[in-house]
Amino acid sequence: MQLKLKLLSTILAMILVSGPAAAEKAGKGYRWVPVSGTGTHYFTTAIIHSQEPTATGYIQRSTDIVELEGDLHGRVLYHPVSVFDFAAGTLVNTGHQVFSGTVRGAEPVLLFDDEFRFEVNLFTGETVGRIRLVTRLAGAKTRCVLDAFGIGSTDGGDARIAYTGWCKVKTKRR
């Protein structure tokens, strides 16, 4: 019994330390690799499609551009449904987005995400989010699971973010 518990404990520790790499078999030359970088969410060029008032704020639908630098290099066509609640001091973004670019310098890919969620504290500006670019539209089989957080804004008023996470990418043969 103690041997089984020790083995289970070791496996769980490997998963926690290694992230998705230990949780999912790489197979066929693919493996999970850590990624990080920054980005700019261009609020100033967003196209506002609609705003519907609510009792404490409004719901806005827009098309925005996010430019990513770092291990993910490219642009995101971001189509959020933004729920502003001024009484609670919150903004929650969900919706759809497509990333077009490269992951760690590999060939370009198009990746789709309909699971992202960003939460903004309107009182403090604190921003946290999760990004799930797991549906491949074009390019090599690539998946990215990221966490993002706000790191300030540009002089022009656009938001700056940082991201960290894991991407499953094709490994090069040696």
N, C-alpha and C. Protein backbone atom coordinates (compact mmCIF):
# COMPACT_ATOMS: atom_id res chain seq x y z
N MET A 1 0.82 -1.19 0.00
CA MET A 1 0.00 0.00 0.00
C MET A 1 0.87 1.26 0.00
N GLN A 2 1.91 1.28 0.85
CA GLN A 2 2.78 2.45 0.90
C GLN A 2 3.51 2.65 -0.42
N LEU A 3 3.90 1.56 -1.07
CA LEU A 3 4.57 1.65 -2.36
C LEU A 3 3.65 2.28 -3.40
N LYS A 4 2.37 1.88 -3.41
CA LYS A 4 1.40 2.46 -4.35
C LYS A 4 1.21 3.94 -4.09
N LEU A 5 1.12 4.33 -2.82
CA LEU A 5 0.95 5.74 -2.48
C LEU A 5 2.18 6.55 -2.89
N LYS A 6 3.37 5.97 -2.66
CA LYS A 6 4.59 6.68 -3.05
C LYS A 6 4.66 6.84 -4.57
N LEU A 7 4.30 5.79 -5.31
CA LEU A 7 4.30 5.86 -6.77
C LEU A 7 3.30 6.90 -7.26
N LEU A 8 2.08 6.89 -6.69
CA LEU A 8 1.07 7.87 -7.06
C LEU A 8 1.55 9.28 -6.74
N SER A 9 2.16 9.46 -5.59
CA SER A 9 2.69 10.77 -5.19
C SER A 9 3.76 11.25 -6.16
N THR A 10 4.64 10.35 -6.59
CA THR A 10 5.70 10.70 -7.55
C THR A 10 5.11 11.10 -8.89
N ILE A 11 4.13 10.36 -9.37
CA ILE A 11 3.49 10.68 -10.66
C ILE A 11 2.80 12.04 -10.59
N LEU A 12 2.06 12.30 -9.51
CA LEU A 12 1.39 13.60 -9.36
C LEU A 12 2.41 14.74 -9.31
N ALA A 13 3.51 14.54 -8.61
CA ALA A 13 4.55 15.57 -8.55
C ALA A 13 5.12 15.84 -9.93
N MET A 14 5.33 14.79 -10.74
CA MET A 14 5.85 14.97 -12.10
C MET A 14 4.88 15.78 -12.94
N ILE A 15 3.60 15.51 -12.81
CA ILE A 15 2.60 16.25 -13.57
C ILE A 15 2.60 17.71 -13.16
N LEU A 16 2.63 17.98 -11.86
CA LEU A 16 2.62 19.36 -11.40
C LEU A 16 3.86 20.12 -11.83
N VAL A 17 5.02 19.47 -11.80
CA VAL A 17 6.26 20.15 -12.17
C VAL A 17 6.38 20.29 -13.68
N SER A 18 5.96 19.29 -14.43
CA SER A 18 6.15 19.28 -15.88
C SER A 18 5.02 19.90 -16.67
N GLY A 19 3.92 20.21 -16.05
CA GLY A 19 2.78 20.77 -16.76
C GLY A 19 2.17 19.75 -17.68
N PRO A 20 1.57 20.17 -18.78
CA PRO A 20 0.89 19.26 -19.69
C PRO A 20 1.80 18.20 -20.29
N ALA A 21 3.11 18.44 -20.30
CA ALA A 21 4.03 17.48 -20.91
C ALA A 21 3.92 16.11 -20.27
N ALA A 22 3.79 16.05 -18.97
CA ALA A 22 3.68 14.76 -18.30
C ALA A 22 2.25 14.25 -18.29
N ALA A 23 1.29 15.14 -18.47
CA ALA A 23 -0.11 14.73 -18.40
C ALA A 23 -0.60 14.13 -19.71
N GLU A 24 0.05 14.42 -20.82
CA GLU A 24 -0.39 13.92 -22.11
C GLU A 24 0.80 13.36 -22.88
N LYS A 25 0.65 12.18 -23.43
CA LYS A 25 1.72 11.56 -24.19
C LYS A 25 2.01 12.40 -25.44
N ALA A 26 3.26 12.72 -25.66
CA ALA A 26 3.62 13.58 -26.80
C ALA A 26 3.32 12.88 -28.12
N GLY A 27 3.94 11.76 -28.39
CA GLY A 27 3.65 10.96 -29.58
C GLY A 27 3.89 11.69 -30.89
N LYS A 28 4.32 10.94 -31.89
CA LYS A 28 4.47 11.41 -33.27
C LYS A 28 5.25 12.71 -33.39
N GLY A 29 6.28 12.89 -32.58
CA GLY A 29 7.15 14.05 -32.72
C GLY A 29 6.62 15.34 -32.14
N TYR A 30 5.56 15.29 -31.36
CA TYR A 30 5.00 16.48 -30.73
C TYR A 30 5.31 16.45 -29.25
N ARG A 31 5.53 17.65 -28.69
CA ARG A 31 5.74 17.73 -27.25
C ARG A 31 5.27 19.09 -26.74
N TRP A 32 4.97 19.15 -25.45
CA TRP A 32 4.58 20.40 -24.81
C TRP A 32 5.83 21.16 -24.42
N VAL A 33 5.86 22.45 -24.76
CA VAL A 33 7.00 23.30 -24.42
C VAL A 33 6.49 24.56 -23.71
N PRO A 34 7.27 25.08 -22.76
CA PRO A 34 6.85 26.31 -22.10
C PRO A 34 6.98 27.50 -23.04
N VAL A 35 6.04 28.45 -22.91
CA VAL A 35 6.07 29.68 -23.71
C VAL A 35 5.78 30.87 -22.82
N SER A 36 6.25 32.03 -23.27
CA SER A 36 5.96 33.28 -22.57
C SER A 36 6.18 34.44 -23.52
N GLY A 37 5.65 35.58 -23.13
CA GLY A 37 5.82 36.79 -23.93
C GLY A 37 4.90 37.89 -23.46
N THR A 38 4.74 38.88 -24.32
CA THR A 38 3.89 40.03 -24.01
C THR A 38 2.99 40.33 -25.21
N GLY A 39 2.08 41.25 -25.00
CA GLY A 39 1.20 41.64 -26.08
C GLY A 39 0.57 42.99 -25.83
N THR A 40 -0.02 43.53 -26.88
CA THR A 40 -0.74 44.81 -26.80
C THR A 40 -2.14 44.60 -27.34
N HIS A 41 -3.13 44.94 -26.52
CA HIS A 41 -4.54 44.90 -26.92
C HIS A 41 -4.92 46.31 -27.37
N TYR A 42 -5.19 46.45 -28.66
CA TYR A 42 -5.45 47.77 -29.25
C TYR A 42 -6.91 48.18 -29.08
N PHE A 43 -7.22 48.71 -27.88
CA PHE A 43 -8.56 49.24 -27.62
C PHE A 43 -8.88 50.42 -28.53
N THR A 44 -7.86 51.22 -28.84
CA THR A 44 -8.09 52.47 -29.56
C THR A 44 -8.53 52.25 -31.00
N THR A 45 -8.33 51.07 -31.55
CA THR A 45 -8.77 50.80 -32.92
C THR A 45 -9.90 49.77 -32.98
N ALA A 46 -10.47 49.44 -31.82
CA ALA A 46 -11.56 48.45 -31.78
C ALA A 46 -12.77 48.96 -32.55
N ILE A 47 -13.45 48.03 -33.17
CA ILE A 47 -14.72 48.33 -33.85
C ILE A 47 -15.84 47.88 -32.92
N ILE A 48 -16.65 48.84 -32.47
CA ILE A 48 -17.76 48.53 -31.57
C ILE A 48 -18.98 48.20 -32.44
N HIS A 49 -19.48 46.99 -32.31
CA HIS A 49 -20.64 46.56 -33.11
C HIS A 49 -21.96 46.87 -32.41
N SER A 50 -21.99 46.71 -31.08
CA SER A 50 -23.23 47.00 -30.36
C SER A 50 -22.94 47.20 -28.88
N GLN A 51 -23.84 47.94 -28.23
CA GLN A 51 -23.83 48.09 -26.78
C GLN A 51 -25.27 48.01 -26.30
N GLU A 52 -25.50 47.05 -25.41
CA GLU A 52 -26.84 46.86 -24.85
C GLU A 52 -26.79 47.22 -23.37
N PRO A 53 -27.64 48.16 -22.93
CA PRO A 53 -27.61 48.52 -21.51
C PRO A 53 -28.12 47.39 -20.62
N THR A 54 -27.55 47.31 -19.42
CA THR A 54 -28.03 46.40 -18.38
C THR A 54 -28.35 47.25 -17.16
N ALA A 55 -28.84 46.63 -16.10
CA ALA A 55 -29.19 47.38 -14.89
C ALA A 55 -27.97 48.05 -14.26
N THR A 56 -26.78 47.48 -14.45
CA THR A 56 -25.59 48.03 -13.78
C THR A 56 -24.46 48.38 -14.73
N GLY A 57 -24.72 48.35 -16.04
CA GLY A 57 -23.66 48.64 -17.00
C GLY A 57 -24.13 48.41 -18.42
N TYR A 58 -23.37 47.62 -19.16
CA TYR A 58 -23.77 47.29 -20.52
C TYR A 58 -23.00 46.07 -21.02
N ILE A 59 -23.51 45.50 -22.10
CA ILE A 59 -22.85 44.40 -22.81
C ILE A 59 -22.42 44.95 -24.16
N GLN A 60 -21.15 44.80 -24.46
CA GLN A 60 -20.60 45.33 -25.71
C GLN A 60 -20.05 44.19 -26.55
N ARG A 61 -20.29 44.26 -27.85
CA ARG A 61 -19.71 43.32 -28.80
C ARG A 61 -18.80 44.13 -29.72
N SER A 62 -17.57 43.62 -29.90
CA SER A 62 -16.60 44.38 -30.67
C SER A 62 -15.64 43.44 -31.41
N THR A 63 -14.86 44.03 -32.28
CA THR A 63 -13.76 43.34 -32.93
C THR A 63 -12.50 44.13 -32.61
N ASP A 64 -11.52 43.44 -32.03
CA ASP A 64 -10.30 44.08 -31.57
C ASP A 64 -9.10 43.31 -32.15
N ILE A 65 -7.96 43.94 -32.10
CA ILE A 65 -6.71 43.31 -32.50
C ILE A 65 -5.79 43.26 -31.28
N VAL A 66 -5.16 42.10 -31.09
CA VAL A 66 -4.13 41.94 -30.06
C VAL A 66 -2.87 41.48 -30.79
N GLU A 67 -1.78 42.18 -30.56
CA GLU A 67 -0.51 41.79 -31.17
C GLU A 67 0.36 41.13 -30.12
N LEU A 68 0.86 39.92 -30.42
CA LEU A 68 1.68 39.17 -29.46
C LEU A 68 3.13 39.15 -29.88
N GLU A 69 4.01 39.28 -28.89
CA GLU A 69 5.45 39.16 -29.08
C GLU A 69 5.94 38.08 -28.14
N GLY A 70 7.11 37.55 -28.44
CA GLY A 70 7.68 36.51 -27.60
C GLY A 70 7.60 35.17 -28.29
N ASP A 71 7.35 34.11 -27.52
CA ASP A 71 7.28 32.78 -28.11
C ASP A 71 6.12 32.63 -29.08
N LEU A 72 5.01 33.31 -28.82
CA LEU A 72 3.93 33.43 -29.80
C LEU A 72 4.11 34.79 -30.46
N HIS A 73 4.27 34.78 -31.77
CA HIS A 73 4.52 36.03 -32.50
C HIS A 73 3.49 36.14 -33.61
N GLY A 74 2.61 37.13 -33.49
CA GLY A 74 1.58 37.30 -34.51
C GLY A 74 0.45 38.16 -33.98
N ARG A 75 -0.71 37.98 -34.60
CA ARG A 75 -1.87 38.80 -34.24
C ARG A 75 -3.06 37.92 -33.90
N VAL A 76 -3.89 38.48 -33.03
CA VAL A 76 -5.13 37.83 -32.65
C VAL A 76 -6.27 38.71 -33.11
N LEU A 77 -7.19 38.13 -33.88
CA LEU A 77 -8.45 38.80 -34.18
C LEU A 77 -9.39 38.40 -33.05
N TYR A 78 -9.70 39.37 -32.23
CA TYR A 78 -10.36 39.16 -30.94
C TYR A 78 -11.78 39.67 -31.05
N HIS A 79 -12.77 38.81 -30.83
CA HIS A 79 -14.17 39.18 -30.95
C HIS A 79 -14.86 38.95 -29.61
N PRO A 80 -14.62 39.85 -28.64
CA PRO A 80 -15.16 39.63 -27.30
C PRO A 80 -16.61 40.11 -27.15
N VAL A 81 -17.28 39.43 -26.24
CA VAL A 81 -18.52 39.91 -25.67
C VAL A 81 -18.11 40.41 -24.29
N SER A 82 -18.18 41.72 -24.11
CA SER A 82 -17.69 42.36 -22.89
C SER A 82 -18.87 42.74 -22.00
N VAL A 83 -18.88 42.20 -20.79
CA VAL A 83 -19.94 42.51 -19.83
C VAL A 83 -19.37 43.45 -18.78
N PHE A 84 -19.80 44.70 -18.83
CA PHE A 84 -19.37 45.73 -17.88
C PHE A 84 -20.40 45.81 -16.76
N ASP A 85 -19.96 45.67 -15.52
CA ASP A 85 -20.82 45.82 -14.35
C ASP A 85 -20.17 46.89 -13.47
N PHE A 86 -20.64 48.11 -13.59
CA PHE A 86 -20.02 49.22 -12.88
C PHE A 86 -20.32 49.19 -11.39
N ALA A 87 -21.44 48.59 -10.97
CA ALA A 87 -21.75 48.47 -9.54
C ALA A 87 -20.76 47.53 -8.87
N ALA A 88 -20.45 46.42 -9.51
CA ALA A 88 -19.49 45.45 -8.96
C ALA A 88 -18.05 45.81 -9.31
N GLY A 89 -17.88 46.71 -10.28
CA GLY A 89 -16.53 47.10 -10.70
C GLY A 89 -15.84 46.01 -11.51
N THR A 90 -16.60 45.31 -12.34
CA THR A 90 -16.02 44.21 -13.11
C THR A 90 -16.29 44.34 -14.61
N LEU A 91 -15.37 43.77 -15.35
CA LEU A 91 -15.52 43.59 -16.79
C LEU A 91 -15.11 42.15 -17.08
N VAL A 92 -15.97 41.41 -17.77
CA VAL A 92 -15.66 40.03 -18.14
C VAL A 92 -15.77 39.92 -19.65
N ASN A 93 -14.68 39.43 -20.27
CA ASN A 93 -14.65 39.20 -21.71
C ASN A 93 -14.66 37.71 -22.00
N THR A 94 -15.59 37.29 -22.85
CA THR A 94 -15.62 35.94 -23.39
C THR A 94 -15.92 36.10 -24.88
N GLY A 95 -15.93 35.03 -25.64
CA GLY A 95 -16.26 35.14 -27.06
C GLY A 95 -15.42 34.23 -27.92
N HIS A 96 -14.89 34.79 -29.00
CA HIS A 96 -14.10 34.02 -29.97
C HIS A 96 -12.86 34.81 -30.36
N GLN A 97 -11.79 34.07 -30.66
CA GLN A 97 -10.58 34.71 -31.15
C GLN A 97 -9.80 33.73 -32.01
N VAL A 98 -9.03 34.29 -32.96
CA VAL A 98 -8.18 33.49 -33.84
C VAL A 98 -6.78 34.09 -33.80
N PHE A 99 -5.80 33.24 -33.51
CA PHE A 99 -4.39 33.64 -33.54
C PHE A 99 -3.81 33.27 -34.89
N SER A 100 -3.11 34.21 -35.51
CA SER A 100 -2.40 33.98 -36.76
C SER A 100 -0.96 34.37 -36.54
N GLY A 101 -0.06 33.40 -36.61
CA GLY A 101 1.34 33.70 -36.39
C GLY A 101 2.14 32.44 -36.18
N THR A 102 3.25 32.60 -35.45
CA THR A 102 4.16 31.48 -35.22
C THR A 102 4.29 31.19 -33.73
N VAL A 103 4.63 29.96 -33.43
CA VAL A 103 4.91 29.55 -32.06
C VAL A 103 6.36 29.08 -32.02
N ARG A 104 7.17 29.80 -31.27
CA ARG A 104 8.60 29.50 -31.13
C ARG A 104 9.31 29.37 -32.47
N GLY A 105 8.94 30.24 -33.42
CA GLY A 105 9.62 30.33 -34.70
C GLY A 105 9.26 29.26 -35.71
N ALA A 106 8.29 28.42 -35.42
CA ALA A 106 7.88 27.37 -36.36
C ALA A 106 7.06 27.99 -37.50
N GLU A 107 6.60 27.14 -38.41
CA GLU A 107 5.77 27.61 -39.53
C GLU A 107 4.50 28.27 -39.00
N PRO A 108 3.92 29.23 -39.73
CA PRO A 108 2.71 29.93 -39.28
C PRO A 108 1.53 28.97 -39.11
N VAL A 109 0.70 29.32 -38.11
CA VAL A 109 -0.51 28.56 -37.83
C VAL A 109 -1.67 29.51 -37.64
N LEU A 110 -2.88 28.97 -37.77
CA LEU A 110 -4.12 29.65 -37.38
C LEU A 110 -4.74 28.79 -36.29
N LEU A 111 -4.95 29.39 -35.11
CA LEU A 111 -5.51 28.67 -33.98
C LEU A 111 -6.74 29.41 -33.47
N PHE A 112 -7.79 28.65 -33.16
CA PHE A 112 -9.08 29.21 -32.73
C PHE A 112 -9.30 28.95 -31.25
N ASP A 113 -9.95 29.91 -30.59
CA ASP A 113 -10.26 29.79 -29.16
C ASP A 113 -11.66 30.34 -28.91
N ASP A 114 -12.54 29.49 -28.38
CA ASP A 114 -13.85 29.97 -27.97
C ASP A 114 -14.07 29.71 -26.47
N GLU A 115 -12.96 29.55 -25.74
CA GLU A 115 -13.02 29.28 -24.30
C GLU A 115 -12.33 30.36 -23.47
N PHE A 116 -11.77 31.40 -24.10
CA PHE A 116 -11.02 32.39 -23.32
C PHE A 116 -11.94 33.11 -22.35
N ARG A 117 -11.32 33.62 -21.30
CA ARG A 117 -12.04 34.43 -20.32
C ARG A 117 -11.04 35.41 -19.71
N PHE A 118 -11.39 36.68 -19.79
CA PHE A 118 -10.60 37.72 -19.15
C PHE A 118 -11.48 38.42 -18.13
N GLU A 119 -10.93 38.65 -16.95
CA GLU A 119 -11.63 39.36 -15.90
C GLU A 119 -10.82 40.59 -15.52
N VAL A 120 -11.49 41.74 -15.48
CA VAL A 120 -10.84 43.00 -15.16
C VAL A 120 -11.55 43.62 -13.95
N ASN A 121 -10.75 44.02 -12.97
CA ASN A 121 -11.27 44.77 -11.83
C ASN A 121 -11.24 46.23 -12.26
N LEU A 122 -12.40 46.82 -12.47
CA LEU A 122 -12.47 48.20 -12.96
C LEU A 122 -12.01 49.22 -11.92
N PHE A 123 -11.97 48.83 -10.65
CA PHE A 123 -11.50 49.74 -9.60
C PHE A 123 -9.99 49.80 -9.55
N THR A 124 -9.33 48.65 -9.73
CA THR A 124 -7.86 48.59 -9.59
C THR A 124 -7.13 48.44 -10.92
N GLY A 125 -7.85 47.99 -11.96
CA GLY A 125 -7.23 47.74 -13.25
C GLY A 125 -6.62 46.35 -13.36
N GLU A 126 -6.63 45.58 -12.26
CA GLU A 126 -6.05 44.23 -12.31
C GLU A 126 -6.78 43.40 -13.38
N THR A 127 -5.98 42.75 -14.24
CA THR A 127 -6.51 41.95 -15.34
C THR A 127 -5.90 40.57 -15.30
N VAL A 128 -6.73 39.54 -15.33
CA VAL A 128 -6.27 38.15 -15.42
C VAL A 128 -7.10 37.43 -16.46
N GLY A 129 -6.46 36.49 -17.15
CA GLY A 129 -7.21 35.77 -18.17
C GLY A 129 -6.62 34.42 -18.48
N ARG A 130 -7.41 33.63 -19.16
CA ARG A 130 -6.95 32.34 -19.66
C ARG A 130 -7.27 32.27 -21.14
N ILE A 131 -6.37 31.67 -21.88
CA ILE A 131 -6.49 31.57 -23.34
C ILE A 131 -6.31 30.11 -23.70
N ARG A 132 -7.19 29.59 -24.55
CA ARG A 132 -7.16 28.18 -24.95
C ARG A 132 -7.17 28.08 -26.48
N LEU A 133 -6.02 28.28 -27.08
CA LEU A 133 -5.88 28.19 -28.54
C LEU A 133 -5.66 26.72 -28.90
N VAL A 134 -6.73 25.94 -28.88
CA VAL A 134 -6.59 24.49 -29.01
C VAL A 134 -7.21 23.92 -30.28
N THR A 135 -7.89 24.74 -31.06
CA THR A 135 -8.48 24.25 -32.31
C THR A 135 -7.65 24.79 -33.47
N ARG A 136 -7.00 23.88 -34.20
CA ARG A 136 -6.16 24.26 -35.34
C ARG A 136 -7.05 24.49 -36.55
N LEU A 137 -6.87 25.64 -37.19
CA LEU A 137 -7.57 25.95 -38.44
C LEU A 137 -6.66 25.75 -39.65
N ALA A 138 -5.36 26.00 -39.47
CA ALA A 138 -4.38 25.83 -40.56
C ALA A 138 -2.99 25.70 -39.95
N GLY A 139 -2.11 25.04 -40.70
CA GLY A 139 -0.73 24.88 -40.25
C GLY A 139 -0.54 23.59 -39.48
N ALA A 140 0.63 23.46 -38.89
CA ALA A 140 0.98 22.26 -38.13
C ALA A 140 0.06 22.09 -36.93
N LYS A 141 -0.09 20.86 -36.49
CA LYS A 141 -0.89 20.59 -35.29
C LYS A 141 -0.23 21.27 -34.11
N THR A 142 -0.86 22.32 -33.62
CA THR A 142 -0.33 23.12 -32.53
C THR A 142 -1.47 23.45 -31.58
N ARG A 143 -1.19 23.40 -30.29
CA ARG A 143 -2.17 23.77 -29.27
C ARG A 143 -1.47 24.62 -28.23
N CYS A 144 -2.13 25.67 -27.75
CA CYS A 144 -1.54 26.51 -26.72
C CYS A 144 -2.55 26.77 -25.62
N VAL A 145 -2.08 26.61 -24.39
CA VAL A 145 -2.88 26.86 -23.19
C VAL A 145 -2.12 27.91 -22.39
N LEU A 146 -2.70 29.10 -22.27
CA LEU A 146 -1.97 30.24 -21.71
C LEU A 146 -2.74 30.90 -20.58
N ASP A 147 -1.99 31.51 -19.68
CA ASP A 147 -2.55 32.42 -18.68
C ASP A 147 -1.99 33.79 -18.99
N ALA A 148 -2.81 34.82 -18.84
CA ALA A 148 -2.38 36.18 -19.15
C ALA A 148 -2.74 37.11 -18.00
N PHE A 149 -2.00 38.19 -17.90
CA PHE A 149 -2.29 39.19 -16.88
C PHE A 149 -1.86 40.56 -17.38
N GLY A 150 -2.56 41.58 -16.92
CA GLY A 150 -2.27 42.95 -17.32
C GLY A 150 -0.97 43.44 -16.73
N ILE A 151 -0.21 44.21 -17.53
CA ILE A 151 1.05 44.79 -17.04
C ILE A 151 1.11 46.29 -17.29
N GLY A 152 -0.04 46.90 -17.55
CA GLY A 152 -0.05 48.35 -17.75
C GLY A 152 -0.67 48.73 -19.07
N SER A 153 -0.30 49.91 -19.54
CA SER A 153 -0.85 50.39 -20.80
C SER A 153 0.19 51.21 -21.55
N THR A 154 -0.07 51.40 -22.83
CA THR A 154 0.81 52.21 -23.66
C THR A 154 0.50 53.68 -23.43
N ASP A 155 1.35 54.56 -23.92
CA ASP A 155 1.09 56.00 -23.81
C ASP A 155 -0.21 56.38 -24.52
N GLY A 156 -0.58 55.59 -25.55
CA GLY A 156 -1.80 55.88 -26.30
C GLY A 156 -3.06 55.29 -25.70
N GLY A 157 -2.94 54.57 -24.58
CA GLY A 157 -4.13 54.05 -23.90
C GLY A 157 -4.49 52.61 -24.23
N ASP A 158 -3.63 51.90 -24.95
CA ASP A 158 -3.90 50.49 -25.23
C ASP A 158 -3.33 49.63 -24.11
N ALA A 159 -3.95 48.48 -23.86
CA ALA A 159 -3.56 47.62 -22.74
C ALA A 159 -2.36 46.75 -23.09
N ARG A 160 -1.48 46.56 -22.12
CA ARG A 160 -0.34 45.65 -22.26
C ARG A 160 -0.59 44.42 -21.39
N ILE A 161 -0.27 43.25 -21.93
CA ILE A 161 -0.42 42.01 -21.19
C ILE A 161 0.89 41.22 -21.24
N ALA A 162 1.01 40.29 -20.33
CA ALA A 162 2.07 39.28 -20.38
C ALA A 162 1.36 37.93 -20.36
N TYR A 163 1.99 36.93 -20.97
CA TYR A 163 1.40 35.59 -20.97
C TYR A 163 2.47 34.55 -20.67
N THR A 164 2.04 33.46 -20.08
CA THR A 164 2.88 32.29 -19.86
C THR A 164 2.00 31.07 -20.08
N GLY A 165 2.62 29.96 -20.39
CA GLY A 165 1.84 28.74 -20.56
C GLY A 165 2.61 27.67 -21.28
N TRP A 166 1.87 26.84 -21.99
CA TRP A 166 2.42 25.68 -22.68
C TRP A 166 1.83 25.57 -24.07
N CYS A 167 2.66 25.18 -25.03
CA CYS A 167 2.18 24.90 -26.38
C CYS A 167 2.67 23.51 -26.79
N LYS A 168 1.80 22.78 -27.44
CA LYS A 168 2.18 21.47 -27.99
C LYS A 168 2.58 21.72 -29.44
N VAL A 169 3.84 21.43 -29.75
CA VAL A 169 4.39 21.74 -31.07
C VAL A 169 5.14 20.53 -31.61
N LYS A 170 5.35 20.53 -32.91
CA LYS A 170 6.14 19.48 -33.57
C LYS A 170 7.61 19.71 -33.22
N THR A 171 8.28 18.65 -32.80
CA THR A 171 9.71 18.77 -32.49
C THR A 171 10.52 18.42 -33.72
N LYS A 172 11.68 19.03 -33.81
CA LYS A 172 12.55 18.79 -34.95
C LYS A 172 13.39 17.54 -34.69
N ARG A 173 13.57 16.76 -35.73
CA ARG A 173 14.41 15.56 -35.63
C ARG A 173 15.87 15.98 -35.60
N ARG A 174 16.65 15.26 -34.83
CA ARG A 174 18.08 15.59 -34.72
C ARG A 174 18.91 14.65 -35.55
